[in-house]
Amino acid sequence: MINKFDTNKVNSIEIENYLNESLKVAKFQTSIINEIKDISNESINSLNSGGKLIFCGNGGSASDSQHLAAELVGRFKKDRDPIPAISLNTDTSVMTAISNDYGFEFLFSKQIEAIGSKEDILFAITTSGKSKNIINGLEKAKEMGLKTVSFSGNNTESIEKSSDYIISIPSEIAGAIQQAHITIGQVICMNIENSMI
């Protein structure tokens, strides 16, 4: 089947509305600088204790998870030693085995149980705030004594009890929420990199 597209459907008002929402969310980020500093310092303390940073998410948030781990293991802005970080979205054999044998909702909790330690920090990225595999991952991390950081949209009810820190983006537009998540994540990576002696 060949899809058909209509250039008349490209709407200037929708473009402007989306960009205005993105601008609103970008301005909001400047109001949470202290929270970003706190999470950055918690991450630095974890690394100084021999811990690692663990990232996970679904869909676009899975891409953010991989992106942020790569910024740390590789580099953000400058050449330096690698920083221990991992995304739980990268091993397709593990992901498909867990999903097939136990269920997709255990995708992250099983991996955290296998490789997590109390010195680690889990960064759980969820646009909806309702993903069962993220909720289970956070709960497993808390049970094991890890610090937990959640990036979400407006809905935080399901992740509040198992999150030490929550960055909640005040928007209903998934794309705008995800833009904020990757930006804040990169700022945290920058802070960690800048802290290296």
N, C-alpha and C. Protein backbone atom coordinates (compact mmCIF):
# COMPACT_ATOMS: atom_id res chain seq x y z
N MET A 1 0.83 -1.19 0.00
CA MET A 1 0.00 0.00 0.00
C MET A 1 0.88 1.25 0.00
N ILE A 2 0.55 2.20 -0.85
CA ILE A 2 1.29 3.47 -0.91
C ILE A 2 0.44 4.55 -0.24
N ASN A 3 1.01 5.20 0.77
CA ASN A 3 0.29 6.28 1.45
C ASN A 3 0.25 7.51 0.57
N LYS A 4 -0.79 8.29 0.75
CA LYS A 4 -0.94 9.57 0.06
C LYS A 4 -0.90 10.70 1.09
N PHE A 5 -0.32 11.80 0.72
CA PHE A 5 -0.17 12.93 1.62
C PHE A 5 -0.66 14.19 0.92
N ASP A 6 -1.18 15.14 1.71
CA ASP A 6 -1.75 16.37 1.17
C ASP A 6 -1.04 17.57 1.79
N THR A 7 -0.33 18.34 0.97
CA THR A 7 0.40 19.51 1.48
C THR A 7 -0.54 20.57 2.04
N ASN A 8 -1.81 20.54 1.66
CA ASN A 8 -2.77 21.50 2.19
C ASN A 8 -3.08 21.27 3.67
N LYS A 9 -2.69 20.12 4.17
CA LYS A 9 -2.93 19.80 5.58
C LYS A 9 -1.87 20.40 6.50
N VAL A 10 -0.78 20.93 5.93
CA VAL A 10 0.25 21.58 6.73
C VAL A 10 -0.30 22.95 7.16
N ASN A 11 -0.47 23.12 8.48
CA ASN A 11 -1.23 24.24 9.01
C ASN A 11 -0.33 25.18 9.81
N SER A 12 -0.26 26.43 9.42
CA SER A 12 0.60 27.41 10.11
C SER A 12 0.20 27.61 11.56
N ILE A 13 -1.09 27.57 11.83
CA ILE A 13 -1.56 27.76 13.21
C ILE A 13 -1.09 26.61 14.10
N GLU A 14 -1.17 25.38 13.60
CA GLU A 14 -0.70 24.23 14.38
C GLU A 14 0.81 24.30 14.63
N ILE A 15 1.54 24.74 13.62
CA ILE A 15 2.99 24.91 13.78
C ILE A 15 3.27 25.93 14.88
N GLU A 16 2.59 27.07 14.81
CA GLU A 16 2.81 28.13 15.79
C GLU A 16 2.43 27.66 17.20
N ASN A 17 1.29 26.95 17.31
CA ASN A 17 0.85 26.45 18.62
C ASN A 17 1.87 25.49 19.22
N TYR A 18 2.41 24.60 18.38
CA TYR A 18 3.39 23.62 18.87
C TYR A 18 4.65 24.33 19.33
N LEU A 19 5.13 25.28 18.53
CA LEU A 19 6.36 26.00 18.89
C LEU A 19 6.16 26.86 20.12
N ASN A 20 4.97 27.44 20.29
CA ASN A 20 4.67 28.22 21.49
C ASN A 20 4.66 27.33 22.73
N GLU A 21 4.12 26.10 22.58
CA GLU A 21 4.14 25.15 23.70
C GLU A 21 5.58 24.77 24.05
N SER A 22 6.38 24.57 23.02
CA SER A 22 7.80 24.25 23.23
C SER A 22 8.50 25.39 23.96
N LEU A 23 8.20 26.62 23.59
CA LEU A 23 8.78 27.80 24.24
C LEU A 23 8.35 27.89 25.70
N LYS A 24 7.07 27.61 25.96
CA LYS A 24 6.55 27.63 27.34
C LYS A 24 7.29 26.61 28.20
N VAL A 25 7.48 25.42 27.66
CA VAL A 25 8.17 24.36 28.39
C VAL A 25 9.64 24.73 28.61
N ALA A 26 10.26 25.33 27.60
CA ALA A 26 11.65 25.76 27.73
C ALA A 26 11.79 26.79 28.85
N LYS A 27 10.85 27.72 28.94
CA LYS A 27 10.89 28.73 30.00
C LYS A 27 10.69 28.08 31.37
N PHE A 28 9.82 27.06 31.43
CA PHE A 28 9.59 26.35 32.69
C PHE A 28 10.89 25.75 33.21
N GLN A 29 11.72 25.26 32.32
CA GLN A 29 12.95 24.59 32.74
C GLN A 29 13.86 25.51 33.57
N THR A 30 13.81 26.79 33.31
CA THR A 30 14.65 27.71 34.08
C THR A 30 14.16 27.87 35.52
N SER A 31 12.93 27.41 35.78
CA SER A 31 12.39 27.51 37.15
C SER A 31 12.78 26.32 38.02
N ILE A 32 13.43 25.31 37.42
CA ILE A 32 13.78 24.10 38.20
C ILE A 32 15.30 23.89 38.23
N ILE A 33 16.04 24.98 38.15
CA ILE A 33 17.50 24.88 38.18
C ILE A 33 17.99 24.22 39.46
N ASN A 34 17.37 24.54 40.60
CA ASN A 34 17.81 23.93 41.87
C ASN A 34 17.57 22.43 41.87
N GLU A 35 16.45 21.97 41.32
CA GLU A 35 16.18 20.54 41.24
C GLU A 35 17.20 19.84 40.34
N ILE A 36 17.55 20.50 39.23
CA ILE A 36 18.55 19.94 38.32
C ILE A 36 19.91 19.85 39.02
N LYS A 37 20.26 20.88 39.79
CA LYS A 37 21.51 20.84 40.57
C LYS A 37 21.50 19.71 41.59
N ASP A 38 20.38 19.54 42.29
CA ASP A 38 20.27 18.47 43.29
C ASP A 38 20.46 17.09 42.67
N ILE A 39 19.82 16.86 41.52
CA ILE A 39 19.94 15.57 40.83
C ILE A 39 21.36 15.38 40.32
N SER A 40 21.96 16.44 39.82
CA SER A 40 23.35 16.38 39.36
C SER A 40 24.28 16.01 40.51
N ASN A 41 24.09 16.65 41.66
CA ASN A 41 24.94 16.36 42.83
C ASN A 41 24.72 14.94 43.34
N GLU A 42 23.48 14.48 43.32
CA GLU A 42 23.18 13.10 43.72
C GLU A 42 23.89 12.12 42.79
N SER A 43 23.90 12.44 41.49
CA SER A 43 24.57 11.59 40.50
C SER A 43 26.08 11.57 40.74
N ILE A 44 26.65 12.73 41.03
CA ILE A 44 28.09 12.82 41.30
C ILE A 44 28.45 12.03 42.56
N ASN A 45 27.61 12.13 43.59
CA ASN A 45 27.85 11.36 44.81
C ASN A 45 27.78 9.86 44.54
N SER A 46 26.84 9.46 43.71
CA SER A 46 26.72 8.04 43.34
C SER A 46 27.98 7.57 42.63
N LEU A 47 28.46 8.33 41.68
CA LEU A 47 29.66 7.96 40.93
C LEU A 47 30.89 7.92 41.85
N ASN A 48 30.98 8.88 42.77
CA ASN A 48 32.10 8.89 43.72
C ASN A 48 32.08 7.69 44.66
N SER A 49 30.90 7.10 44.84
CA SER A 49 30.75 5.91 45.69
C SER A 49 30.94 4.61 44.92
N GLY A 50 31.33 4.73 43.64
CA GLY A 50 31.51 3.54 42.82
C GLY A 50 30.27 3.06 42.12
N GLY A 51 29.23 3.89 42.11
CA GLY A 51 27.98 3.53 41.46
C GLY A 51 27.97 3.87 39.98
N LYS A 52 26.85 3.56 39.35
CA LYS A 52 26.65 3.87 37.93
C LYS A 52 25.27 4.49 37.76
N LEU A 53 25.05 5.10 36.61
CA LEU A 53 23.76 5.68 36.28
C LEU A 53 23.06 4.75 35.30
N ILE A 54 21.84 4.37 35.62
CA ILE A 54 21.05 3.45 34.81
C ILE A 54 19.87 4.21 34.25
N PHE A 55 19.64 4.08 32.94
CA PHE A 55 18.56 4.79 32.27
C PHE A 55 17.58 3.79 31.66
N CYS A 56 16.29 4.16 31.63
CA CYS A 56 15.32 3.33 30.92
C CYS A 56 14.12 4.18 30.49
N GLY A 57 13.46 3.73 29.44
CA GLY A 57 12.27 4.40 28.93
C GLY A 57 11.69 3.62 27.77
N ASN A 58 10.51 4.01 27.32
CA ASN A 58 9.83 3.37 26.20
C ASN A 58 9.71 4.33 25.02
N GLY A 59 9.76 3.80 23.82
CA GLY A 59 9.57 4.63 22.63
C GLY A 59 10.58 5.74 22.52
N GLY A 60 10.11 7.00 22.41
CA GLY A 60 11.01 8.14 22.34
C GLY A 60 11.86 8.26 23.59
N SER A 61 11.30 7.86 24.73
CA SER A 61 12.05 7.90 25.98
C SER A 61 13.14 6.84 26.01
N ALA A 62 12.95 5.74 25.26
CA ALA A 62 14.02 4.74 25.12
C ALA A 62 15.20 5.37 24.38
N SER A 63 14.90 6.15 23.35
CA SER A 63 15.96 6.85 22.61
C SER A 63 16.69 7.83 23.52
N ASP A 64 15.94 8.55 24.35
CA ASP A 64 16.57 9.48 25.31
C ASP A 64 17.45 8.72 26.29
N SER A 65 16.97 7.55 26.73
CA SER A 65 17.73 6.72 27.66
C SER A 65 19.08 6.35 27.05
N GLN A 66 19.07 5.90 25.81
CA GLN A 66 20.31 5.53 25.13
C GLN A 66 21.19 6.75 24.91
N HIS A 67 20.58 7.85 24.51
CA HIS A 67 21.31 9.09 24.22
C HIS A 67 22.08 9.56 25.46
N LEU A 68 21.41 9.57 26.62
CA LEU A 68 22.05 10.09 27.82
C LEU A 68 23.16 9.17 28.32
N ALA A 69 22.94 7.86 28.23
CA ALA A 69 24.01 6.93 28.59
C ALA A 69 25.22 7.14 27.69
N ALA A 70 24.97 7.36 26.41
CA ALA A 70 26.06 7.58 25.45
C ALA A 70 26.83 8.86 25.75
N GLU A 71 26.13 9.92 26.19
CA GLU A 71 26.81 11.18 26.53
C GLU A 71 27.82 10.96 27.65
N LEU A 72 27.50 10.04 28.56
CA LEU A 72 28.37 9.80 29.71
C LEU A 72 29.49 8.82 29.40
N VAL A 73 29.16 7.72 28.75
CA VAL A 73 30.18 6.72 28.43
C VAL A 73 31.17 7.28 27.39
N GLY A 74 30.64 8.03 26.43
CA GLY A 74 31.48 8.68 25.43
C GLY A 74 31.93 10.04 25.94
N ARG A 75 31.29 11.08 25.42
CA ARG A 75 31.59 12.43 25.93
C ARG A 75 30.41 13.32 25.65
N PHE A 76 30.27 14.35 26.46
CA PHE A 76 29.26 15.37 26.21
C PHE A 76 29.88 16.52 25.44
N LYS A 77 30.86 17.20 26.07
CA LYS A 77 31.52 18.33 25.41
C LYS A 77 33.02 18.18 25.31
N LYS A 78 33.61 17.39 26.20
CA LYS A 78 35.08 17.35 26.21
C LYS A 78 35.59 15.93 26.36
N ASP A 79 36.81 15.72 25.90
CA ASP A 79 37.45 14.42 26.05
C ASP A 79 37.80 14.20 27.52
N ARG A 80 37.44 13.03 28.03
CA ARG A 80 37.73 12.67 29.42
C ARG A 80 37.51 11.17 29.56
N ASP A 81 37.80 10.65 30.75
CA ASP A 81 37.57 9.23 31.00
C ASP A 81 36.07 8.93 30.91
N PRO A 82 35.72 7.71 30.51
CA PRO A 82 34.30 7.35 30.45
C PRO A 82 33.66 7.32 31.83
N ILE A 83 32.40 7.65 31.87
CA ILE A 83 31.62 7.65 33.11
C ILE A 83 30.67 6.46 33.06
N PRO A 84 30.60 5.66 34.14
CA PRO A 84 29.78 4.44 34.10
C PRO A 84 28.28 4.72 34.02
N ALA A 85 27.70 4.37 32.89
CA ALA A 85 26.27 4.55 32.64
C ALA A 85 25.81 3.48 31.67
N ILE A 86 24.54 3.11 31.78
CA ILE A 86 23.99 2.09 30.90
C ILE A 86 22.51 2.37 30.65
N SER A 87 22.07 2.08 29.43
CA SER A 87 20.65 2.13 29.10
C SER A 87 20.12 0.70 29.06
N LEU A 88 18.99 0.47 29.67
CA LEU A 88 18.38 -0.86 29.70
C LEU A 88 17.57 -1.14 28.43
N ASN A 89 17.73 -0.28 27.44
CA ASN A 89 16.99 -0.42 26.18
C ASN A 89 17.84 -0.96 25.04
N THR A 90 19.02 -1.46 25.32
CA THR A 90 19.95 -1.74 24.21
C THR A 90 20.18 -3.21 23.90
N ASP A 91 19.94 -4.10 24.84
CA ASP A 91 20.23 -5.52 24.61
C ASP A 91 18.95 -6.22 24.14
N THR A 92 18.82 -6.39 22.83
CA THR A 92 17.57 -6.93 22.28
C THR A 92 17.33 -8.38 22.72
N SER A 93 18.37 -9.15 22.93
CA SER A 93 18.18 -10.53 23.39
C SER A 93 17.60 -10.56 24.79
N VAL A 94 18.15 -9.73 25.69
CA VAL A 94 17.62 -9.65 27.05
C VAL A 94 16.19 -9.11 27.03
N MET A 95 15.97 -8.06 26.26
CA MET A 95 14.64 -7.43 26.21
C MET A 95 13.57 -8.39 25.71
N THR A 96 13.88 -9.11 24.64
CA THR A 96 12.88 -10.01 24.08
C THR A 96 12.70 -11.25 24.95
N ALA A 97 13.77 -11.72 25.58
CA ALA A 97 13.66 -12.88 26.46
C ALA A 97 12.77 -12.56 27.66
N ILE A 98 13.02 -11.44 28.31
CA ILE A 98 12.21 -11.05 29.47
C ILE A 98 10.76 -10.83 29.05
N SER A 99 10.56 -10.10 27.96
CA SER A 99 9.19 -9.81 27.50
C SER A 99 8.44 -11.08 27.15
N ASN A 100 9.12 -12.03 26.51
CA ASN A 100 8.48 -13.28 26.11
C ASN A 100 8.22 -14.20 27.30
N ASP A 101 9.21 -14.32 28.19
CA ASP A 101 9.11 -15.30 29.27
C ASP A 101 8.36 -14.79 30.50
N TYR A 102 8.42 -13.49 30.78
CA TYR A 102 7.80 -12.95 31.99
C TYR A 102 6.72 -11.91 31.70
N GLY A 103 6.87 -11.18 30.60
CA GLY A 103 5.94 -10.11 30.27
C GLY A 103 6.66 -8.78 30.15
N PHE A 104 6.19 -7.94 29.25
CA PHE A 104 6.83 -6.65 28.98
C PHE A 104 6.90 -5.77 30.22
N GLU A 105 5.96 -5.97 31.15
CA GLU A 105 5.94 -5.13 32.35
C GLU A 105 7.14 -5.38 33.27
N PHE A 106 7.87 -6.47 33.04
CA PHE A 106 9.04 -6.78 33.85
C PHE A 106 10.36 -6.48 33.13
N LEU A 107 10.26 -5.80 32.00
CA LEU A 107 11.43 -5.55 31.16
C LEU A 107 12.56 -4.85 31.92
N PHE A 108 12.25 -3.86 32.72
CA PHE A 108 13.28 -3.09 33.41
C PHE A 108 13.56 -3.64 34.81
N SER A 109 12.55 -4.09 35.52
CA SER A 109 12.76 -4.57 36.89
C SER A 109 13.69 -5.78 36.92
N LYS A 110 13.56 -6.68 35.96
CA LYS A 110 14.44 -7.86 35.91
C LYS A 110 15.89 -7.44 35.68
N GLN A 111 16.11 -6.47 34.79
CA GLN A 111 17.47 -6.02 34.51
C GLN A 111 18.06 -5.28 35.71
N ILE A 112 17.24 -4.49 36.38
CA ILE A 112 17.71 -3.78 37.58
C ILE A 112 18.09 -4.78 38.66
N GLU A 113 17.27 -5.81 38.81
CA GLU A 113 17.56 -6.86 39.79
C GLU A 113 18.90 -7.54 39.48
N ALA A 114 19.19 -7.69 38.19
CA ALA A 114 20.42 -8.37 37.77
C ALA A 114 21.66 -7.51 37.95
N ILE A 115 21.60 -6.22 37.62
CA ILE A 115 22.82 -5.42 37.57
C ILE A 115 22.83 -4.22 38.52
N GLY A 116 21.71 -3.95 39.19
CA GLY A 116 21.63 -2.77 40.05
C GLY A 116 22.32 -3.00 41.38
N SER A 117 22.84 -1.91 41.96
CA SER A 117 23.39 -1.95 43.31
C SER A 117 22.98 -0.67 44.03
N LYS A 118 23.07 -0.68 45.37
CA LYS A 118 22.57 0.45 46.15
C LYS A 118 23.34 1.74 45.91
N GLU A 119 24.52 1.66 45.28
CA GLU A 119 25.28 2.87 44.96
C GLU A 119 24.78 3.53 43.67
N ASP A 120 23.93 2.83 42.92
CA ASP A 120 23.49 3.30 41.60
C ASP A 120 22.32 4.29 41.71
N ILE A 121 22.09 4.99 40.60
CA ILE A 121 20.89 5.81 40.44
C ILE A 121 20.16 5.34 39.19
N LEU A 122 18.84 5.16 39.33
CA LEU A 122 17.99 4.84 38.19
C LEU A 122 17.32 6.11 37.69
N PHE A 123 17.49 6.40 36.40
CA PHE A 123 16.76 7.47 35.73
C PHE A 123 15.66 6.81 34.90
N ALA A 124 14.42 6.97 35.33
CA ALA A 124 13.26 6.39 34.63
C ALA A 124 12.55 7.50 33.86
N ILE A 125 12.49 7.34 32.56
CA ILE A 125 11.93 8.39 31.69
C ILE A 125 10.58 7.91 31.16
N THR A 126 9.51 8.62 31.51
CA THR A 126 8.17 8.22 31.10
C THR A 126 7.32 9.45 30.79
N THR A 127 6.97 9.62 29.55
CA THR A 127 6.16 10.78 29.15
C THR A 127 4.78 10.72 29.80
N SER A 128 4.20 9.53 29.83
CA SER A 128 2.84 9.38 30.38
C SER A 128 2.82 9.30 31.90
N GLY A 129 3.90 8.80 32.50
CA GLY A 129 3.91 8.56 33.94
C GLY A 129 3.15 7.32 34.34
N LYS A 130 2.71 6.53 33.36
CA LYS A 130 1.85 5.39 33.66
C LYS A 130 2.39 4.06 33.16
N SER A 131 3.55 4.03 32.56
CA SER A 131 4.07 2.80 31.95
C SER A 131 4.37 1.77 33.04
N LYS A 132 3.74 0.60 32.93
CA LYS A 132 3.86 -0.42 33.96
C LYS A 132 5.31 -0.90 34.12
N ASN A 133 6.04 -1.02 33.01
CA ASN A 133 7.42 -1.49 33.14
C ASN A 133 8.30 -0.46 33.84
N ILE A 134 8.01 0.82 33.67
CA ILE A 134 8.73 1.88 34.37
C ILE A 134 8.38 1.86 35.86
N ILE A 135 7.09 1.73 36.17
CA ILE A 135 6.65 1.68 37.56
C ILE A 135 7.30 0.49 38.27
N ASN A 136 7.28 -0.68 37.63
CA ASN A 136 7.91 -1.86 38.23
C ASN A 136 9.41 -1.68 38.41
N GLY A 137 10.05 -1.03 37.43
CA GLY A 137 11.48 -0.77 37.53
C GLY A 137 11.81 0.14 38.70
N LEU A 138 11.02 1.20 38.87
CA LEU A 138 11.22 2.12 39.99
C LEU A 138 11.02 1.40 41.33
N GLU A 139 9.97 0.58 41.40
CA GLU A 139 9.69 -0.13 42.64
C GLU A 139 10.82 -1.12 42.98
N LYS A 140 11.32 -1.82 41.99
CA LYS A 140 12.43 -2.75 42.22
C LYS A 140 13.68 -1.98 42.67
N ALA A 141 13.95 -0.85 42.03
CA ALA A 141 15.12 -0.04 42.40
C ALA A 141 15.02 0.42 43.85
N LYS A 142 13.84 0.91 44.26
CA LYS A 142 13.66 1.37 45.64
C LYS A 142 13.83 0.21 46.61
N GLU A 143 13.27 -0.94 46.25
CA GLU A 143 13.40 -2.14 47.10
C GLU A 143 14.87 -2.52 47.31
N MET A 144 15.69 -2.29 46.28
CA MET A 144 17.11 -2.64 46.35
C MET A 144 17.98 -1.53 46.92
N GLY A 145 17.39 -0.37 47.22
CA GLY A 145 18.14 0.72 47.85
C GLY A 145 18.77 1.70 46.89
N LEU A 146 18.42 1.65 45.58
CA LEU A 146 18.94 2.63 44.62
C LEU A 146 18.22 3.95 44.81
N LYS A 147 18.89 5.05 44.50
CA LYS A 147 18.22 6.33 44.36
C LYS A 147 17.47 6.32 43.02
N THR A 148 16.33 7.01 42.98
CA THR A 148 15.52 6.99 41.76
C THR A 148 15.15 8.41 41.33
N VAL A 149 15.30 8.65 40.03
CA VAL A 149 14.94 9.92 39.41
C VAL A 149 13.97 9.63 38.29
N SER A 150 12.81 10.30 38.31
CA SER A 150 11.82 10.11 37.25
C SER A 150 11.65 11.40 36.46
N PHE A 151 11.67 11.27 35.15
CA PHE A 151 11.30 12.35 34.25
C PHE A 151 9.92 11.99 33.70
N SER A 152 8.95 12.90 33.84
CA SER A 152 7.59 12.59 33.38
C SER A 152 6.93 13.83 32.82
N GLY A 153 5.68 13.64 32.40
CA GLY A 153 4.83 14.76 32.02
C GLY A 153 4.03 15.19 33.25
N ASN A 154 2.76 15.57 33.02
CA ASN A 154 1.92 16.04 34.12
C ASN A 154 1.55 14.95 35.12
N ASN A 155 1.43 13.72 34.64
CA ASN A 155 0.90 12.64 35.47
C ASN A 155 2.03 11.98 36.26
N THR A 156 2.02 12.17 37.56
CA THR A 156 3.08 11.59 38.41
C THR A 156 2.55 10.67 39.50
N GLU A 157 1.24 10.50 39.56
CA GLU A 157 0.62 9.77 40.67
C GLU A 157 1.19 8.36 40.86
N SER A 158 1.42 7.65 39.76
CA SER A 158 1.86 6.25 39.84
C SER A 158 3.34 6.10 40.16
N ILE A 159 4.11 7.18 40.07
CA ILE A 159 5.55 7.08 40.28
C ILE A 159 6.04 7.83 41.52
N GLU A 160 5.14 8.51 42.21
CA GLU A 160 5.55 9.37 43.32
C GLU A 160 6.17 8.58 44.47
N LYS A 161 5.57 7.45 44.86
CA LYS A 161 6.05 6.69 46.02
C LYS A 161 7.43 6.10 45.80
N SER A 162 7.77 5.79 44.56
CA SER A 162 9.03 5.10 44.29
C SER A 162 10.09 6.02 43.66
N SER A 163 9.85 7.33 43.66
CA SER A 163 10.80 8.28 43.08
C SER A 163 11.36 9.20 44.15
N ASP A 164 12.68 9.28 44.23
CA ASP A 164 13.31 10.24 45.13
C ASP A 164 13.24 11.65 44.56
N TYR A 165 13.33 11.74 43.25
CA TYR A 165 13.24 13.03 42.55
C TYR A 165 12.31 12.85 41.35
N ILE A 166 11.47 13.86 41.10
CA ILE A 166 10.62 13.85 39.91
C ILE A 166 10.76 15.17 39.19
N ILE A 167 11.08 15.09 37.91
CA ILE A 167 11.03 16.25 37.02
C ILE A 167 9.75 16.09 36.21
N SER A 168 8.74 16.87 36.55
CA SER A 168 7.43 16.79 35.90
C SER A 168 7.25 17.99 34.97
N ILE A 169 7.08 17.71 33.69
CA ILE A 169 6.97 18.77 32.69
C ILE A 169 5.50 19.13 32.49
N PRO A 170 5.11 20.39 32.69
CA PRO A 170 3.70 20.79 32.62
C PRO A 170 3.20 20.98 31.19
N SER A 171 2.95 19.88 30.53
CA SER A 171 2.45 19.93 29.16
C SER A 171 1.66 18.66 28.87
N GLU A 172 0.75 18.74 27.92
CA GLU A 172 0.00 17.57 27.44
C GLU A 172 0.55 17.09 26.10
N ILE A 173 1.53 17.80 25.55
CA ILE A 173 2.07 17.47 24.23
C ILE A 173 3.33 16.62 24.41
N ALA A 174 3.25 15.37 23.97
CA ALA A 174 4.35 14.42 24.19
C ALA A 174 5.67 14.94 23.66
N GLY A 175 5.66 15.53 22.47
CA GLY A 175 6.90 16.02 21.87
C GLY A 175 7.55 17.11 22.70
N ALA A 176 6.76 18.00 23.26
CA ALA A 176 7.29 19.09 24.08
C ALA A 176 7.86 18.53 25.39
N ILE A 177 7.18 17.54 25.96
CA ILE A 177 7.67 16.90 27.18
C ILE A 177 9.01 16.23 26.91
N GLN A 178 9.09 15.51 25.81
CA GLN A 178 10.33 14.78 25.48
C GLN A 178 11.48 15.73 25.16
N GLN A 179 11.18 16.88 24.55
CA GLN A 179 12.23 17.88 24.32
C GLN A 179 12.82 18.33 25.65
N ALA A 180 11.96 18.55 26.63
CA ALA A 180 12.43 19.00 27.94
C ALA A 180 13.25 17.90 28.61
N HIS A 181 12.79 16.66 28.50
CA HIS A 181 13.52 15.56 29.14
C HIS A 181 14.95 15.46 28.63
N ILE A 182 15.12 15.50 27.31
CA ILE A 182 16.47 15.34 26.77
C ILE A 182 17.33 16.56 27.11
N THR A 183 16.74 17.74 27.12
CA THR A 183 17.50 18.94 27.46
C THR A 183 17.98 18.89 28.91
N ILE A 184 17.07 18.56 29.82
CA ILE A 184 17.43 18.48 31.24
C ILE A 184 18.45 17.36 31.46
N GLY A 185 18.25 16.24 30.79
CA GLY A 185 19.20 15.14 30.89
C GLY A 185 20.58 15.55 30.43
N GLN A 186 20.66 16.31 29.35
CA GLN A 186 21.95 16.76 28.85
C GLN A 186 22.61 17.76 29.80
N VAL A 187 21.81 18.59 30.43
CA VAL A 187 22.36 19.53 31.42
C VAL A 187 22.97 18.75 32.59
N ILE A 188 22.29 17.69 33.02
CA ILE A 188 22.82 16.85 34.09
C ILE A 188 24.14 16.20 33.65
N CYS A 189 24.18 15.71 32.40
CA CYS A 189 25.42 15.13 31.87
C CYS A 189 26.54 16.17 31.86
N MET A 190 26.20 17.40 31.46
CA MET A 190 27.18 18.48 31.45
C MET A 190 27.72 18.73 32.86
N ASN A 191 26.82 18.78 33.84
CA ASN A 191 27.25 19.03 35.22
C ASN A 191 28.16 17.93 35.74
N ILE A 192 27.81 16.69 35.42
CA ILE A 192 28.65 15.55 35.85
C ILE A 192 30.03 15.66 35.20
N GLU A 193 30.04 15.91 33.89
CA GLU A 193 31.32 16.02 33.17
C GLU A 193 32.15 17.17 33.74
N ASN A 194 31.52 18.30 34.02
CA ASN A 194 32.25 19.45 34.54
C ASN A 194 32.79 19.21 35.94
N SER A 195 32.20 18.26 36.67
CA SER A 195 32.63 17.99 38.03
C SER A 195 33.88 17.13 38.10
N MET A 196 34.27 16.55 36.98
CA MET A 196 35.43 15.64 37.00
C MET A 196 36.70 16.40 37.31
N ILE A 197 37.48 15.87 38.24
CA ILE A 197 38.73 16.54 38.67
C ILE A 197 39.89 16.04 37.80
